[in-house]
PDB file of N, CA and C in Angstrom:
ATOM      1  N   MET A   1      56.316  33.238  21.469  1.00  0.00           N
ATOM      2  CA  MET A   1      55.410  33.016  20.366  1.00  0.00           C
ATOM      3  C   MET A   1      55.212  31.523  20.113  1.00  0.00           C
ATOM      4  N   VAL A   2      56.287  30.759  20.200  1.00  0.00           N
ATOM      5  CA  VAL A   2      56.194  29.311  19.992  1.00  0.00           C
ATOM      6  C   VAL A   2      55.382  28.690  21.125  1.00  0.00           C
ATOM      7  N   LYS A   3      55.511  29.239  22.324  1.00  0.00           N
ATOM      8  CA  LYS A   3      54.774  28.712  23.465  1.00  0.00           C
ATOM      9  C   LYS A   3      53.275  28.941  23.289  1.00  0.00           C
ATOM     10  N   GLN A   4      52.882  30.105  22.761  1.00  0.00           N
ATOM     11  CA  GLN A   4      51.468  30.385  22.507  1.00  0.00           C
ATOM     12  C   GLN A   4      50.911  29.447  21.438  1.00  0.00           C
ATOM     13  N   LEU A   5      51.703  29.211  20.408  1.00  0.00           N
ATOM     14  CA  LEU A   5      51.282  28.320  19.330  1.00  0.00           C
ATOM     15  C   LEU A   5      51.088  26.899  19.852  1.00  0.00           C
ATOM     16  N   ARG A   6      52.000  26.455  20.725  1.00  0.00           N
ATOM     17  CA  ARG A   6      51.880  25.117  21.308  1.00  0.00           C
ATOM     18  C   ARG A   6      50.638  25.012  22.195  1.00  0.00           C
ATOM     19  N   SER A   7      50.385  26.038  22.972  1.00  0.00           N
ATOM     20  CA  SER A   7      49.222  25.987  23.858  1.00  0.00           C
ATOM     21  C   SER A   7      47.928  25.996  23.049  1.00  0.00           C
ATOM     22  N   LYS A   8      47.889  26.764  21.947  1.00  0.00           N
ATOM     23  CA  LYS A   8      46.695  26.767  21.087  1.00  0.00           C
ATOM     24  C   LYS A   8      46.522  25.418  20.403  1.00  0.00           C
ATOM     25  N   ALA A   9      47.611  24.838  19.920  1.00  0.00           N
ATOM     26  CA  ALA A   9      47.539  23.530  19.273  1.00  0.00           C
ATOM     27  C   ALA A   9      47.096  22.465  20.272  1.00  0.00           C
ATOM     28  N   GLY A  10      47.611  22.565  21.509  1.00  0.00           N
ATOM     29  CA  GLY A  10      47.206  21.619  22.543  1.00  0.00           C
ATOM     30  C   GLY A  10      45.728  21.749  22.878  1.00  0.00           C
ATOM     31  N   MET A  11      45.247  22.988  22.932  1.00  0.00           N
ATOM     32  CA  MET A  11      43.831  23.229  23.216  1.00  0.00           C
ATOM     33  C   MET A  11      42.957  22.692  22.081  1.00  0.00           C
ATOM     34  N   ILE A  12      43.370  22.921  20.854  1.00  0.00           N
ATOM     35  CA  ILE A  12      42.617  22.429  19.692  1.00  0.00           C
ATOM     36  C   ILE A  12      42.585  20.903  19.708  1.00  0.00           C
ATOM     37  N   LEU A  13      43.726  20.279  19.984  1.00  0.00           N
ATOM     38  CA  LEU A  13      43.797  18.826  20.039  1.00  0.00           C
ATOM     39  C   LEU A  13      42.905  18.279  21.162  1.00  0.00           C
ATOM     40  N   LEU A  14      42.910  18.950  22.295  1.00  0.00           N
ATOM     41  CA  LEU A  14      42.067  18.539  23.412  1.00  0.00           C
ATOM     42  C   LEU A  14      40.585  18.643  23.049  1.00  0.00           C
ATOM     43  N   LEU A  15      40.182  19.735  22.399  1.00  0.00           N
ATOM     44  CA  LEU A  15      38.782  19.908  21.999  1.00  0.00           C
ATOM     45  C   LEU A  15      38.358  18.866  20.975  1.00  0.00           C
ATOM     46  N   ILE A  16      39.219  18.598  20.003  1.00  0.00           N
ATOM     47  CA  ILE A  16      38.880  17.599  18.967  1.00  0.00           C
ATOM     48  C   ILE A  16      38.739  16.214  19.593  1.00  0.00           C
ATOM     49  N   SER A  17      39.679  15.842  20.475  1.00  0.00           N
ATOM     50  CA  SER A  17      39.589  14.510  21.093  1.00  0.00           C
ATOM     51  C   SER A  17      38.371  14.418  22.015  1.00  0.00           C
ATOM     52  N   ALA A  18      38.053  15.490  22.723  1.00  0.00           N
ATOM     53  CA  ALA A  18      36.865  15.469  23.582  1.00  0.00           C
ATOM     54  C   ALA A  18      35.599  15.316  22.752  1.00  0.00           C
ATOM     55  N   ALA A  19      35.553  15.993  21.625  1.00  0.00           N
ATOM     56  CA  ALA A  19      34.378  15.883  20.761  1.00  0.00           C
ATOM     57  C   ALA A  19      34.239  14.468  20.200  1.00  0.00           C
ATOM     58  N   LEU A  20      35.331  13.873  19.801  1.00  0.00           N
ATOM     59  CA  LEU A  20      35.283  12.520  19.253  1.00  0.00           C
ATOM     60  C   LEU A  20      34.877  11.497  20.309  1.00  0.00           C
ATOM     61  N   PHE A  21      35.473  11.575  21.492  1.00  0.00           N
ATOM     62  CA  PHE A  21      35.180  10.582  22.517  1.00  0.00           C
ATOM     63  C   PHE A  21      33.845  10.808  23.199  1.00  0.00           C
ATOM     64  N   SER A  22      33.322  12.021  23.196  1.00  0.00           N
ATOM     65  CA  SER A  22      32.016  12.241  23.802  1.00  0.00           C
ATOM     66  C   SER A  22      30.929  11.528  23.004  1.00  0.00           C
ATOM     67  N   GLY A  23      31.060  11.494  21.694  1.00  0.00           N
ATOM     68  CA  GLY A  23      30.106  10.762  20.869  1.00  0.00           C
ATOM     69  C   GLY A  23      30.166   9.275  21.140  1.00  0.00           C
ATOM     70  N   GLN A  24      31.361   8.762  21.351  1.00  0.00           N
ATOM     71  CA  GLN A  24      31.524   7.337  21.631  1.00  0.00           C
ATOM     72  C   GLN A  24      30.894   6.969  22.970  1.00  0.00           C
ATOM     73  N   THR A  25      31.123   7.779  23.985  1.00  0.00           N
ATOM     74  CA  THR A  25      30.555   7.460  25.303  1.00  0.00           C
ATOM     75  C   THR A  25      29.045   7.632  25.304  1.00  0.00           C
ATOM     76  N   ALA A  26      28.532   8.613  24.565  1.00  0.00           N
ATOM     77  CA  ALA A  26      27.085   8.793  24.500  1.00  0.00           C
ATOM     78  C   ALA A  26      26.427   7.615  23.780  1.00  0.00           C
ATOM     79  N   ALA A  27      27.097   7.074  22.780  1.00  0.00           N
ATOM     80  CA  ALA A  27      26.548   5.932  22.051  1.00  0.00           C
ATOM     81  C   ALA A  27      26.510   4.690  22.931  1.00  0.00           C
ATOM     82  N   GLN A  28      27.480   4.548  23.815  1.00  0.00           N
ATOM     83  CA  GLN A  28      27.492   3.392  24.706  1.00  0.00           C
ATOM     84  C   GLN A  28      26.440   3.514  25.792  1.00  0.00           C
ATOM     85  N   ARG A  29      26.042   4.739  26.136  1.00  0.00           N
ATOM     86  CA  ARG A  29      25.041   4.942  27.173  1.00  0.00           C
ATOM     87  C   ARG A  29      23.650   5.120  26.581  1.00  0.00           C
ATOM     88  N   HIS A  30      23.428   4.802  25.345  1.00  0.00           N
ATOM     89  CA  HIS A  30      22.154   4.963  24.657  1.00  0.00           C
ATOM     90  C   HIS A  30      21.700   6.424  24.686  1.00  0.00           C
ATOM     91  N   GLY A  31      22.642   7.314  24.483  1.00  0.00           N
ATOM     92  CA  GLY A  31      22.329   8.734  24.514  1.00  0.00           C
ATOM     93  C   GLY A  31      21.894   9.277  23.174  1.00  0.00           C
ATOM     94  N   HIS A  32      22.057   8.484  22.118  1.00  0.00           N
ATOM     95  CA  HIS A  32      21.710   8.965  20.788  1.00  0.00           C
ATOM     96  C   HIS A  32      20.303   8.531  20.397  1.00  0.00           C
ATOM     97  N   LEU A  33      19.625   9.361  19.656  1.00  0.00           N
ATOM     98  CA  LEU A  33      18.330   9.005  19.086  1.00  0.00           C
ATOM     99  C   LEU A  33      18.551   8.597  17.639  1.00  0.00           C
ATOM    100  N   TYR A  34      17.980   7.501  17.257  1.00  0.00           N
ATOM    101  CA  TYR A  34      18.126   7.022  15.891  1.00  0.00           C
ATOM    102  C   TYR A  34      16.828   7.253  15.133  1.00  0.00           C
ATOM    103  N   LEU A  35      16.925   7.827  13.963  1.00  0.00           N
ATOM    104  CA  LEU A  35      15.770   8.062  13.118  1.00  0.00           C
ATOM    105  C   LEU A  35      15.695   6.969  12.071  1.00  0.00           C
ATOM    106  N   ILE A  36      14.503   6.439  11.878  1.00  0.00           N
ATOM    107  CA  ILE A  36      14.315   5.400  10.875  1.00  0.00           C
ATOM    108  C   ILE A  36      14.083   6.082   9.536  1.00  0.00           C
ATOM    109  N   ILE A  37      14.950   5.796   8.600  1.00  0.00           N
ATOM    110  CA  ILE A  37      14.818   6.371   7.264  1.00  0.00           C
ATOM    111  C   ILE A  37      14.207   5.302   6.375  1.00  0.00           C
ATOM    112  N   LYS A  38      13.075   5.624   5.795  1.00  0.00           N
ATOM    113  CA  LYS A  38      12.381   4.661   4.953  1.00  0.00           C
ATOM    114  C   LYS A  38      13.095   4.535   3.616  1.00  0.00           C
ATOM    115  N   SER A  39      13.041   3.336   3.082  1.00  0.00           N
ATOM    116  CA  SER A  39      13.646   3.117   1.777  1.00  0.00           C
ATOM    117  C   SER A  39      12.752   3.734   0.700  1.00  0.00           C
ATOM    118  N   ALA A  40      13.305   3.888  -0.471  1.00  0.00           N
ATOM    119  CA  ALA A  40      12.547   4.472  -1.579  1.00  0.00           C
ATOM    120  C   ALA A  40      11.336   3.606  -1.913  1.00  0.00           C
ATOM    121  N   ASP A  41      11.478   2.284  -1.812  1.00  0.00           N
ATOM    122  CA  ASP A  41      10.373   1.377  -2.100  1.00  0.00           C
ATOM    123  C   ASP A  41       9.229   1.589  -1.116  1.00  0.00           C
ATOM    124  N   MET A  42       9.567   1.748   0.174  1.00  0.00           N
ATOM    125  CA  MET A  42       8.532   1.990   1.179  1.00  0.00           C
ATOM    126  C   MET A  42       7.832   3.322   0.935  1.00  0.00           C
ATOM    127  N   LEU A  43       8.592   4.341   0.571  1.00  0.00           N
ATOM    128  CA  LEU A  43       7.996   5.646   0.313  1.00  0.00           C
ATOM    129  C   LEU A  43       7.056   5.607  -0.882  1.00  0.00           C
ATOM    130  N   LEU A  44       7.462   4.886  -1.944  1.00  0.00           N
ATOM    131  CA  LEU A  44       6.616   4.791  -3.134  1.00  0.00           C
ATOM    132  C   LEU A  44       5.334   4.013  -2.841  1.00  0.00           C
ATOM    133  N   ARG A  45       5.449   2.931  -2.055  1.00  0.00           N
ATOM    134  CA  ARG A  45       4.250   2.168  -1.706  1.00  0.00           C
ATOM    135  C   ARG A  45       3.304   2.996  -0.848  1.00  0.00           C
ATOM    136  N   HIS A  46       3.846   3.760   0.084  1.00  0.00           N
ATOM    137  CA  HIS A  46       3.016   4.622   0.928  1.00  0.00           C
ATOM    138  C   HIS A  46       2.312   5.675   0.086  1.00  0.00           C
ATOM    139  N   GLN A  47       3.038   6.255  -0.874  1.00  0.00           N
ATOM    140  CA  GLN A  47       2.441   7.272  -1.754  1.00  0.00           C
ATOM    141  C   GLN A  47       1.326   6.654  -2.593  1.00  0.00           C
ATOM    142  N   ALA A  48       1.533   5.438  -3.097  1.00  0.00           N
ATOM    143  CA  ALA A  48       0.507   4.775  -3.911  1.00  0.00           C
ATOM    144  C   ALA A  48      -0.723   4.474  -3.067  1.00  0.00           C
ATOM    145  N   ASP A  49      -0.509   4.004  -1.826  1.00  0.00           N
ATOM    146  CA  ASP A  49      -1.645   3.740  -0.946  1.00  0.00           C
ATOM    147  C   ASP A  49      -2.405   5.021  -0.649  1.00  0.00           C
ATOM    148  N   SER A  50      -1.683   6.109  -0.422  1.00  0.00           N
ATOM    149  CA  SER A  50      -2.327   7.390  -0.140  1.00  0.00           C
ATOM    150  C   SER A  50      -3.131   7.871  -1.339  1.00  0.00           C
ATOM    151  N   ASP A  51      -2.577   7.692  -2.541  1.00  0.00           N
ATOM    152  CA  ASP A  51      -3.287   8.101  -3.753  1.00  0.00           C
ATOM    153  C   ASP A  51      -4.569   7.294  -3.937  1.00  0.00           C
ATOM    154  N   GLU A  52      -4.493   5.980  -3.665  1.00  0.00           N
ATOM    155  CA  GLU A  52      -5.688   5.144  -3.786  1.00  0.00           C
ATOM    156  C   GLU A  52      -6.762   5.566  -2.796  1.00  0.00           C
ATOM    157  N   LEU A  53      -6.364   5.815  -1.553  1.00  0.00           N
ATOM    158  CA  LEU A  53      -7.329   6.235  -0.540  1.00  0.00           C
ATOM    159  C   LEU A  53      -7.936   7.596  -0.886  1.00  0.00           C
ATOM    160  N   ARG A  54      -7.110   8.516  -1.365  1.00  0.00           N
ATOM    161  CA  ARG A  54      -7.600   9.840  -1.738  1.00  0.00           C
ATOM    162  C   ARG A  54      -8.597   9.737  -2.887  1.00  0.00           C
ATOM    163  N   GLN A  55      -8.293   8.901  -3.881  1.00  0.00           N
ATOM    164  CA  GLN A  55      -9.178   8.738  -5.025  1.00  0.00           C
ATOM    165  C   GLN A  55     -10.503   8.105  -4.598  1.00  0.00           C
ATOM    166  N   ALA A  56     -10.442   7.120  -3.710  1.00  0.00           N
ATOM    167  CA  ALA A  56     -11.671   6.485  -3.219  1.00  0.00           C
ATOM    168  C   ALA A  56     -12.524   7.491  -2.449  1.00  0.00           C
ATOM    169  N   ALA A  57     -11.897   8.330  -1.642  1.00  0.00           N
ATOM    170  CA  ALA A  57     -12.645   9.341  -0.883  1.00  0.00           C
ATOM    171  C   ALA A  57     -13.272  10.373  -1.817  1.00  0.00           C
ATOM    172  N   GLU A  58     -12.541  10.786  -2.843  1.00  0.00           N
ATOM    173  CA  GLU A  58     -13.095  11.754  -3.799  1.00  0.00           C
ATOM    174  C   GLU A  58     -14.264  11.160  -4.570  1.00  0.00           C
ATOM    175  N   ASP A  59     -14.151   9.893  -4.973  1.00  0.00           N
ATOM    176  CA  ASP A  59     -15.256   9.232  -5.679  1.00  0.00           C
ATOM    177  C   ASP A  59     -16.486   9.111  -4.782  1.00  0.00           C
ATOM    178  N   SER A  60     -16.266   8.743  -3.531  1.00  0.00           N
ATOM    179  CA  SER A  60     -17.370   8.610  -2.595  1.00  0.00           C
ATOM    180  C   SER A  60     -18.049   9.962  -2.359  1.00  0.00           C
ATOM    181  N   ALA A  61     -17.245  11.014  -2.227  1.00  0.00           N
ATOM    182  CA  ALA A  61     -17.814  12.350  -2.025  1.00  0.00           C
ATOM    183  C   ALA A  61     -18.600  12.796  -3.251  1.00  0.00           C
ATOM    184  N   ALA A  62     -18.103  12.487  -4.450  1.00  0.00           N
ATOM    185  CA  ALA A  62     -18.816  12.864  -5.670  1.00  0.00           C
ATOM    186  C   ALA A  62     -20.142  12.109  -5.773  1.00  0.00           C
ATOM    187  N   ASP A  63     -20.142  10.818  -5.420  1.00  0.00           N
ATOM    188  CA  ASP A  63     -21.391  10.044  -5.438  1.00  0.00           C
ATOM    189  C   ASP A  63     -22.394  10.598  -4.432  1.00  0.00           C
ATOM    190  N   LEU A  64     -21.910  10.952  -3.244  1.00  0.00           N
ATOM    191  CA  LEU A  64     -22.800  11.508  -2.225  1.00  0.00           C
ATOM    192  C   LEU A  64     -23.382  12.853  -2.674  1.00  0.00           C
ATOM    193  N   ARG A  65     -22.540  13.697  -3.282  1.00  0.00           N
ATOM    194  CA  ARG A  65     -23.032  14.987  -3.786  1.00  0.00           C
ATOM    195  C   ARG A  65     -24.089  14.788  -4.864  1.00  0.00           C
ATOM    196  N   GLU A  66     -23.826  13.843  -5.753  1.00  0.00           N
ATOM    197  CA  GLU A  66     -24.774  13.573  -6.842  1.00  0.00           C
ATOM    198  C   GLU A  66     -26.094  13.057  -6.280  1.00  0.00           C
ATOM    199  N   HIS A  67     -26.038  12.146  -5.323  1.00  0.00           N
ATOM    200  CA  HIS A  67     -27.256  11.612  -4.708  1.00  0.00           C
ATOM    201  C   HIS A  67     -28.013  12.727  -3.972  1.00  0.00           C
ATOM    202  N   HIS A  68     -27.287  13.555  -3.229  1.00  0.00           N
ATOM    203  CA  HIS A  68     -27.918  14.651  -2.493  1.00  0.00           C
ATOM    204  C   HIS A  68     -28.587  15.633  -3.464  1.00  0.00           C
ATOM    205  N   TYR A  69     -27.916  15.941  -4.558  1.00  0.00           N
ATOM    206  CA  TYR A  69     -28.486  16.848  -5.557  1.00  0.00           C
ATOM    207  C   TYR A  69     -29.747  16.239  -6.166  1.00  0.00           C
ATOM    208  N   HIS A  70     -29.685  14.934  -6.459  1.00  0.00           N
ATOM    209  CA  HIS A  70     -30.829  14.252  -7.066  1.00  0.00           C
ATOM    210  C   HIS A  70     -32.021  14.237  -6.103  1.00  0.00           C
ATOM    211  N   VAL A  71     -31.791  13.965  -4.827  1.00  0.00           N
ATOM    212  CA  VAL A  71     -32.861  13.933  -3.833  1.00  0.00           C
ATOM    213  C   VAL A  71     -33.455  15.330  -3.669  1.00  0.00           C
ATOM    214  N   ASN A  72     -32.616  16.345  -3.618  1.00  0.00           N
ATOM    215  CA  ASN A  72     -33.114  17.710  -3.450  1.00  0.00           C
ATOM    216  C   ASN A  72     -33.911  18.180  -4.671  1.00  0.00           C
ATOM    217  N   GLN A  73     -33.611  17.676  -5.837  1.00  0.00           N
ATOM    218  CA  GLN A  73     -34.347  18.059  -7.043  1.00  0.00           C
ATOM    219  C   GLN A  73     -35.767  17.498  -7.018  1.00  0.00           C
ATOM    220  N   ARG A  74     -35.972  16.329  -6.392  1.00  0.00           N
ATOM    221  CA  ARG A  74     -37.303  15.707  -6.360  1.00  0.00           C
ATOM    222  C   ARG A  74     -38.187  16.271  -5.260  1.00  0.00           C
ATOM    223  N   ARG A  75     -37.630  16.972  -4.308  1.00  0.00           N
ATOM    224  CA  ARG A  75     -38.436  17.523  -3.197  1.00  0.00           C
ATOM    225  C   ARG A  75     -39.252  18.696  -3.681  1.00  0.00           C
ATOM    226  N   PRO A  76     -40.446  18.812  -3.132  1.00  0.00           N
ATOM    227  CA  PRO A  76     -41.225  20.006  -3.466  1.00  0.00           C
ATOM    228  C   PRO A  76     -40.608  21.225  -2.796  1.00  0.00           C
ATOM    229  N   GLY A  77     -40.713  22.354  -3.393  1.00  0.00           N
ATOM    230  CA  GLY A  77     -40.140  23.582  -2.850  1.00  0.00           C
ATOM    231  C   GLY A  77     -40.874  24.027  -1.596  1.00  0.00           C
ATOM    232  N   SER A  78     -40.168  24.656  -0.703  1.00  0.00           N
ATOM    233  CA  SER A  78     -40.807  25.217   0.490  1.00  0.00           C
ATOM    234  C   SER A  78     -40.648  26.734   0.421  1.00  0.00           C
ATOM    235  N   TYR A  79     -41.696  27.403   0.682  1.00  0.00           N
ATOM    236  CA  TYR A  79     -41.697  28.869   0.564  1.00  0.00           C
ATOM    237  C   TYR A  79     -42.107  29.493   1.872  1.00  0.00           C
ATOM    238  N   LEU A  80     -41.470  30.570   2.224  1.00  0.00           N
ATOM    239  CA  LEU A  80     -41.838  31.306   3.430  1.00  0.00           C
ATOM    240  C   LEU A  80     -42.885  32.335   3.070  1.00  0.00           C
ATOM    241  N   LEU A  81     -43.897  32.427   3.888  1.00  0.00           N
ATOM    242  CA  LEU A  81     -44.941  33.419   3.653  1.00  0.00           C
ATOM    243  C   LEU A  81     -44.847  34.574   4.591  1.00  0.00           C
TER     244      LEU A  81
END
C-alpha cells in the first residue's frame, strides 16, 4: 500500500513539474500568444469616438431624409393610366 502511494505521489510530482517546465520552455521558444489588453482610458476614448461617429452618421442620415422628403413633396405626381 505504501508503495502504491509513493508511485502515485511520484507520478503527480512528475506531472506537476512537467506542466510547470513546459510553460517555461514554450515561453523561451516564442510559443505563447500574447493578447494586448487595452487600458480603461483607451476603451473610454474609443467608446467616445464611436459615439461621436455614430451621432454624426445619424445626423447626416436625418438631413438626407429631410432633403429627400422635401424634394419629393415639390415634384408633380405621376399617375399610371
